[in-house]
């Protein structure tokens, strides 16, 4: 085997594919809790002092160096809601979302145990409140979808010929 081929094999051994060009990676836990009327998603409202204050979201944040998306989502959930990672059963990894600004967001679907729900104690510096919405609401309610045209702002000296245009 050539040294070049061996180097390629070592480079990609155990490699997890990601988004090419991603400069920032985030993970969120999409926490489900069981209630008498079925499964509910657990949401949080970001604290007013944060740049995204008042935003309704799932617990999550930026991935730290060497951390997997799963580890990130569980760590952030523990930091924001005090739900121990041992009280979360991971159900799966839905499709990730990518933004043109180089941001990748990986959701993780997880079931929070009854003990985890009892441990719920939002960090006031990060979360102003939490609430749940029945999963049936999302099954039975069509989403409102809004679109807009994204128009490029191209500089006059853009090298069209160098990119084959």
C-alpha atoms as a PDB file:
ATOM      1  CA  UNK A   1       0.000   0.000   0.000  1.00  0.00           C
ATOM      2  CA  UNK A   2       1.360   3.419  -0.884  1.00  0.00           C
ATOM      3  CA  UNK A   3       2.143   5.939   1.855  1.00  0.00           C
ATOM      4  CA  UNK A   4      -0.406   8.323   0.316  1.00  0.00           C
ATOM      5  CA  UNK A   5      -3.160   5.696   0.433  1.00  0.00           C
ATOM      6  CA  UNK A   6      -2.190   4.753   3.988  1.00  0.00           C
ATOM      7  CA  UNK A   7      -2.377   8.429   5.033  1.00  0.00           C
ATOM      8  CA  UNK A   8      -5.860   8.730   3.553  1.00  0.00           C
ATOM      9  CA  UNK A   9      -7.039   5.625   5.377  1.00  0.00           C
ATOM     10  CA  UNK A  10      -5.673   6.957   8.695  1.00  0.00           C
ATOM     11  CA  UNK A  11      -7.250  10.369   8.028  1.00  0.00           C
ATOM     12  CA  UNK A  12     -10.737   8.948   7.529  1.00  0.00           C
ATOM     13  CA  UNK A  13     -10.633   6.060  10.028  1.00  0.00           C
ATOM     14  CA  UNK A  14     -13.446   6.829  12.479  1.00  0.00           C
ATOM     15  CA  UNK A  15     -14.231  10.140  10.795  1.00  0.00           C
ATOM     16  CA  UNK A  16     -17.753  11.453  11.376  1.00  0.00           C
ATOM     17  CA  UNK A  17     -18.986  13.364   8.321  1.00  0.00           C
ATOM     18  CA  UNK A  18     -19.982  16.942   8.938  1.00  0.00           C
ATOM     19  CA  UNK A  19     -20.975  19.993   6.964  1.00  0.00           C
ATOM     20  CA  UNK A  20     -18.129  21.155   4.768  1.00  0.00           C
ATOM     21  CA  UNK A  21     -17.265  24.722   5.656  1.00  0.00           C
ATOM     22  CA  UNK A  22     -19.172  24.688   8.958  1.00  0.00           C
ATOM     23  CA  UNK A  23     -17.569  27.262  11.202  1.00  0.00           C
ATOM     24  CA  UNK A  24     -19.942  26.856  14.129  1.00  0.00           C
ATOM     25  CA  UNK A  25     -21.628  23.686  15.348  1.00  0.00           C
ATOM     26  CA  UNK A  26     -24.540  23.537  17.771  1.00  0.00           C
ATOM     27  CA  UNK A  27     -26.686  20.785  19.243  1.00  0.00           C
ATOM     28  CA  UNK A  28     -30.090  20.843  20.901  1.00  0.00           C
ATOM     29  CA  UNK A  29     -32.006  18.224  22.808  1.00  0.00           C
ATOM     30  CA  UNK A  30     -35.625  17.873  21.674  1.00  0.00           C
ATOM     31  CA  UNK A  31     -36.874  16.605  25.041  1.00  0.00           C
ATOM     32  CA  UNK A  32     -40.034  14.552  25.270  1.00  0.00           C
ATOM     33  CA  UNK A  33     -41.851  14.006  28.564  1.00  0.00           C
ATOM     34  CA  UNK A  34     -44.660  11.552  29.228  1.00  0.00           C
ATOM     35  CA  UNK A  35     -47.894  12.979  30.642  1.00  0.00           C
ATOM     36  CA  UNK A  36     -51.319  11.449  31.186  1.00  0.00           C
ATOM     37  CA  UNK A  37     -52.501  12.673  27.777  1.00  0.00           C
ATOM     38  CA  UNK A  38     -49.419  11.398  25.923  1.00  0.00           C
ATOM     39  CA  UNK A  39     -46.002  12.632  24.926  1.00  0.00           C
ATOM     40  CA  UNK A  40     -45.174  16.345  25.140  1.00  0.00           C
ATOM     41  CA  UNK A  41     -42.209  18.358  23.893  1.00  0.00           C
ATOM     42  CA  UNK A  42     -40.518  20.367  26.648  1.00  0.00           C
ATOM     43  CA  UNK A  43     -39.641  23.911  25.570  1.00  0.00           C
ATOM     44  CA  UNK A  44     -37.812  26.712  27.320  1.00  0.00           C
ATOM     45  CA  UNK A  45     -37.938  30.497  27.017  1.00  0.00           C
ATOM     46  CA  UNK A  46     -34.509  32.122  27.022  1.00  0.00           C
ATOM     47  CA  UNK A  47     -33.788  34.596  29.836  1.00  0.00           C
ATOM     48  CA  UNK A  48     -34.305  38.273  28.942  1.00  0.00           C
ATOM     49  CA  UNK A  49     -30.636  39.144  29.621  1.00  0.00           C
ATOM     50  CA  UNK A  50     -29.409  36.944  26.749  1.00  0.00           C
ATOM     51  CA  UNK A  51     -28.960  38.221  23.175  1.00  0.00           C
ATOM     52  CA  UNK A  52     -31.740  35.840  22.117  1.00  0.00           C
ATOM     53  CA  UNK A  53     -33.857  36.707  25.193  1.00  0.00           C
ATOM     54  CA  UNK A  54     -37.499  35.662  24.978  1.00  0.00           C
ATOM     55  CA  UNK A  55     -36.784  33.080  22.276  1.00  0.00           C
ATOM     56  CA  UNK A  56     -38.731  29.822  22.589  1.00  0.00           C
ATOM     57  CA  UNK A  57     -36.376  26.923  21.995  1.00  0.00           C
ATOM     58  CA  UNK A  58     -35.057  23.566  23.055  1.00  0.00           C
ATOM     59  CA  UNK A  59     -32.079  23.345  25.419  1.00  0.00           C
ATOM     60  CA  UNK A  60     -28.789  23.428  23.583  1.00  0.00           C
ATOM     61  CA  UNK A  61     -25.775  25.417  22.569  1.00  0.00           C
ATOM     62  CA  UNK A  62     -22.402  25.532  20.896  1.00  0.00           C
ATOM     63  CA  UNK A  63     -20.361  22.348  20.688  1.00  0.00           C
ATOM     64  CA  UNK A  64     -17.092  22.418  22.605  1.00  0.00           C
ATOM     65  CA  UNK A  65     -13.814  21.138  21.176  1.00  0.00           C
ATOM     66  CA  UNK A  66     -13.681  17.336  21.098  1.00  0.00           C
ATOM     67  CA  UNK A  67     -17.324  17.025  22.121  1.00  0.00           C
ATOM     68  CA  UNK A  68     -19.880  15.026  20.134  1.00  0.00           C
ATOM     69  CA  UNK A  69     -23.264  16.497  19.232  1.00  0.00           C
ATOM     70  CA  UNK A  70     -24.891  14.121  21.727  1.00  0.00           C
ATOM     71  CA  UNK A  71     -22.520  15.120  24.523  1.00  0.00           C
ATOM     72  CA  UNK A  72     -23.186  18.785  23.747  1.00  0.00           C
ATOM     73  CA  UNK A  73     -26.985  18.426  23.821  1.00  0.00           C
ATOM     74  CA  UNK A  74     -26.917  16.501  27.109  1.00  0.00           C
ATOM     75  CA  UNK A  75     -24.429  18.906  28.738  1.00  0.00           C
ATOM     76  CA  UNK A  76     -26.441  21.957  27.713  1.00  0.00           C
ATOM     77  CA  UNK A  77     -29.682  20.377  28.970  1.00  0.00           C
ATOM     78  CA  UNK A  78     -28.061  19.676  32.316  1.00  0.00           C
ATOM     79  CA  UNK A  79     -26.668  23.227  32.538  1.00  0.00           C
ATOM     80  CA  UNK A  80     -29.896  24.955  31.480  1.00  0.00           C
ATOM     81  CA  UNK A  81     -32.582  22.746  33.069  1.00  0.00           C
ATOM     82  CA  UNK A  82     -30.704  20.665  35.693  1.00  0.00           C
ATOM     83  CA  UNK A  83     -31.973  17.442  34.115  1.00  0.00           C
ATOM     84  CA  UNK A  84     -29.258  14.816  34.675  1.00  0.00           C
ATOM     85  CA  UNK A  85     -28.079  13.178  31.467  1.00  0.00           C
ATOM     86  CA  UNK A  86     -28.632   9.812  33.140  1.00  0.00           C
ATOM     87  CA  UNK A  87     -32.377  10.607  33.138  1.00  0.00           C
ATOM     88  CA  UNK A  88     -32.538  11.039  29.352  1.00  0.00           C
ATOM     89  CA  UNK A  89     -32.999   8.135  26.940  1.00  0.00           C
ATOM     90  CA  UNK A  90     -31.801   9.056  23.467  1.00  0.00           C
ATOM     91  CA  UNK A  91     -34.381   8.040  20.864  1.00  0.00           C
ATOM     92  CA  UNK A  92     -32.598   9.161  17.733  1.00  0.00           C
ATOM     93  CA  UNK A  93     -30.835  11.821  15.740  1.00  0.00           C
ATOM     94  CA  UNK A  94     -33.074  13.704  13.284  1.00  0.00           C
ATOM     95  CA  UNK A  95     -31.688  15.475  10.220  1.00  0.00           C
ATOM     96  CA  UNK A  96     -29.392  18.395  10.941  1.00  0.00           C
ATOM     97  CA  UNK A  97     -30.038  21.956   9.825  1.00  0.00           C
ATOM     98  CA  UNK A  98     -27.442  23.991   7.983  1.00  0.00           C
ATOM     99  CA  UNK A  99     -27.380  27.728   7.420  1.00  0.00           C
ATOM    100  CA  UNK A 100     -25.513  29.543   4.679  1.00  0.00           C
ATOM    101  CA  UNK A 101     -23.476  31.417   7.283  1.00  0.00           C
ATOM    102  CA  UNK A 102     -21.563  28.232   8.152  1.00  0.00           C
ATOM    103  CA  UNK A 103     -23.720  27.135  11.082  1.00  0.00           C
ATOM    104  CA  UNK A 104     -24.733  23.509  11.613  1.00  0.00           C
ATOM    105  CA  UNK A 105     -27.424  22.588  14.155  1.00  0.00           C
ATOM    106  CA  UNK A 106     -27.900  18.936  15.166  1.00  0.00           C
ATOM    107  CA  UNK A 107     -31.080  18.017  17.043  1.00  0.00           C
ATOM    108  CA  UNK A 108     -31.116  14.990  19.350  1.00  0.00           C
ATOM    109  CA  UNK A 109     -34.465  13.421  20.264  1.00  0.00           C
ATOM    110  CA  UNK A 110     -34.648  12.215  23.859  1.00  0.00           C
ATOM    111  CA  UNK A 111     -37.154  10.994  26.421  1.00  0.00           C
ATOM    112  CA  UNK A 112     -36.845  12.534  29.880  1.00  0.00           C
ATOM    113  CA  UNK A 113     -37.701  10.117  32.695  1.00  0.00           C
ATOM    114  CA  UNK A 114     -40.146  10.965  35.482  1.00  0.00           C
ATOM    115  CA  UNK A 115     -37.159  11.509  37.806  1.00  0.00           C
ATOM    116  CA  UNK A 116     -35.607  13.840  35.226  1.00  0.00           C
ATOM    117  CA  UNK A 117     -38.834  15.825  34.979  1.00  0.00           C
ATOM    118  CA  UNK A 118     -38.919  16.111  38.786  1.00  0.00           C
ATOM    119  CA  UNK A 119     -35.311  17.358  38.763  1.00  0.00           C
ATOM    120  CA  UNK A 120     -36.218  20.129  36.301  1.00  0.00           C
ATOM    121  CA  UNK A 121     -34.924  23.416  37.721  1.00  0.00           C
ATOM    122  CA  UNK A 122     -34.217  26.086  35.083  1.00  0.00           C
ATOM    123  CA  UNK A 123     -31.053  28.152  35.447  1.00  0.00           C
ATOM    124  CA  UNK A 124     -32.364  31.728  35.895  1.00  0.00           C
ATOM    125  CA  UNK A 125     -29.378  33.184  34.029  1.00  0.00           C
ATOM    126  CA  UNK A 126     -30.318  31.180  30.929  1.00  0.00           C
ATOM    127  CA  UNK A 127     -34.012  30.251  31.134  1.00  0.00           C
ATOM    128  CA  UNK A 128     -36.981  32.372  32.213  1.00  0.00           C
ATOM    129  CA  UNK A 129     -39.600  29.593  32.013  1.00  0.00           C
ATOM    130  CA  UNK A 130     -40.422  26.176  30.599  1.00  0.00           C
ATOM    131  CA  UNK A 131     -43.606  24.723  29.153  1.00  0.00           C
ATOM    132  CA  UNK A 132     -44.760  21.644  27.295  1.00  0.00           C
ATOM    133  CA  UNK A 133     -46.796  21.161  24.130  1.00  0.00           C
ATOM    134  CA  UNK A 134     -48.466  17.832  23.303  1.00  0.00           C
ATOM    135  CA  UNK A 135     -46.857  15.972  20.434  1.00  0.00           C
ATOM    136  CA  UNK A 136     -50.389  15.549  19.052  1.00  0.00           C
ATOM    137  CA  UNK A 137     -50.528  19.334  18.477  1.00  0.00           C
ATOM    138  CA  UNK A 138     -47.695  19.046  15.955  1.00  0.00           C
ATOM    139  CA  UNK A 139     -49.278  16.020  14.297  1.00  0.00           C
ATOM    140  CA  UNK A 140     -52.664  17.746  13.965  1.00  0.00           C
ATOM    141  CA  UNK A 141     -51.624  21.329  13.188  1.00  0.00           C
ATOM    142  CA  UNK A 142     -50.162  22.288   9.840  1.00  0.00           C
ATOM    143  CA  UNK A 143     -47.151  24.577  10.253  1.00  0.00           C
ATOM    144  CA  UNK A 144     -47.278  28.167   9.091  1.00  0.00           C
ATOM    145  CA  UNK A 145     -44.579  28.502   6.461  1.00  0.00           C
ATOM    146  CA  UNK A 146     -43.183  31.832   5.354  1.00  0.00           C
ATOM    147  CA  UNK A 147     -40.692  32.370   2.568  1.00  0.00           C
ATOM    148  CA  UNK A 148     -38.806  35.288   1.127  1.00  0.00           C
ATOM    149  CA  UNK A 149     -36.483  35.786  -1.795  1.00  0.00           C
ATOM    150  CA  UNK A 150     -32.842  35.781  -0.837  1.00  0.00           C
ATOM    151  CA  UNK A 151     -31.182  38.192  -3.224  1.00  0.00           C
ATOM    152  CA  UNK A 152     -27.406  38.137  -3.570  1.00  0.00           C
ATOM    153  CA  UNK A 153     -25.392  41.300  -3.157  1.00  0.00           C
ATOM    154  CA  UNK A 154     -22.436  40.679  -5.432  1.00  0.00           C
ATOM    155  CA  UNK A 155     -19.473  43.058  -5.585  1.00  0.00           C
ATOM    156  CA  UNK A 156     -18.628  44.511  -9.015  1.00  0.00           C
ATOM    157  CA  UNK A 157     -15.227  42.813  -8.984  1.00  0.00           C
ATOM    158  CA  UNK A 158     -16.622  39.296  -8.292  1.00  0.00           C
ATOM    159  CA  UNK A 159     -14.495  36.850 -10.355  1.00  0.00           C
ATOM    160  CA  UNK A 160     -17.293  35.198 -12.363  1.00  0.00           C
ATOM    161  CA  UNK A 161     -14.869  33.769 -14.926  1.00  0.00           C
ATOM    162  CA  UNK A 162     -12.783  32.059 -12.193  1.00  0.00           C
ATOM    163  CA  UNK A 163     -15.830  30.136 -10.902  1.00  0.00           C
ATOM    164  CA  UNK A 164     -17.066  29.165 -14.345  1.00  0.00           C
ATOM    165  CA  UNK A 165     -19.894  31.657 -14.752  1.00  0.00           C
END
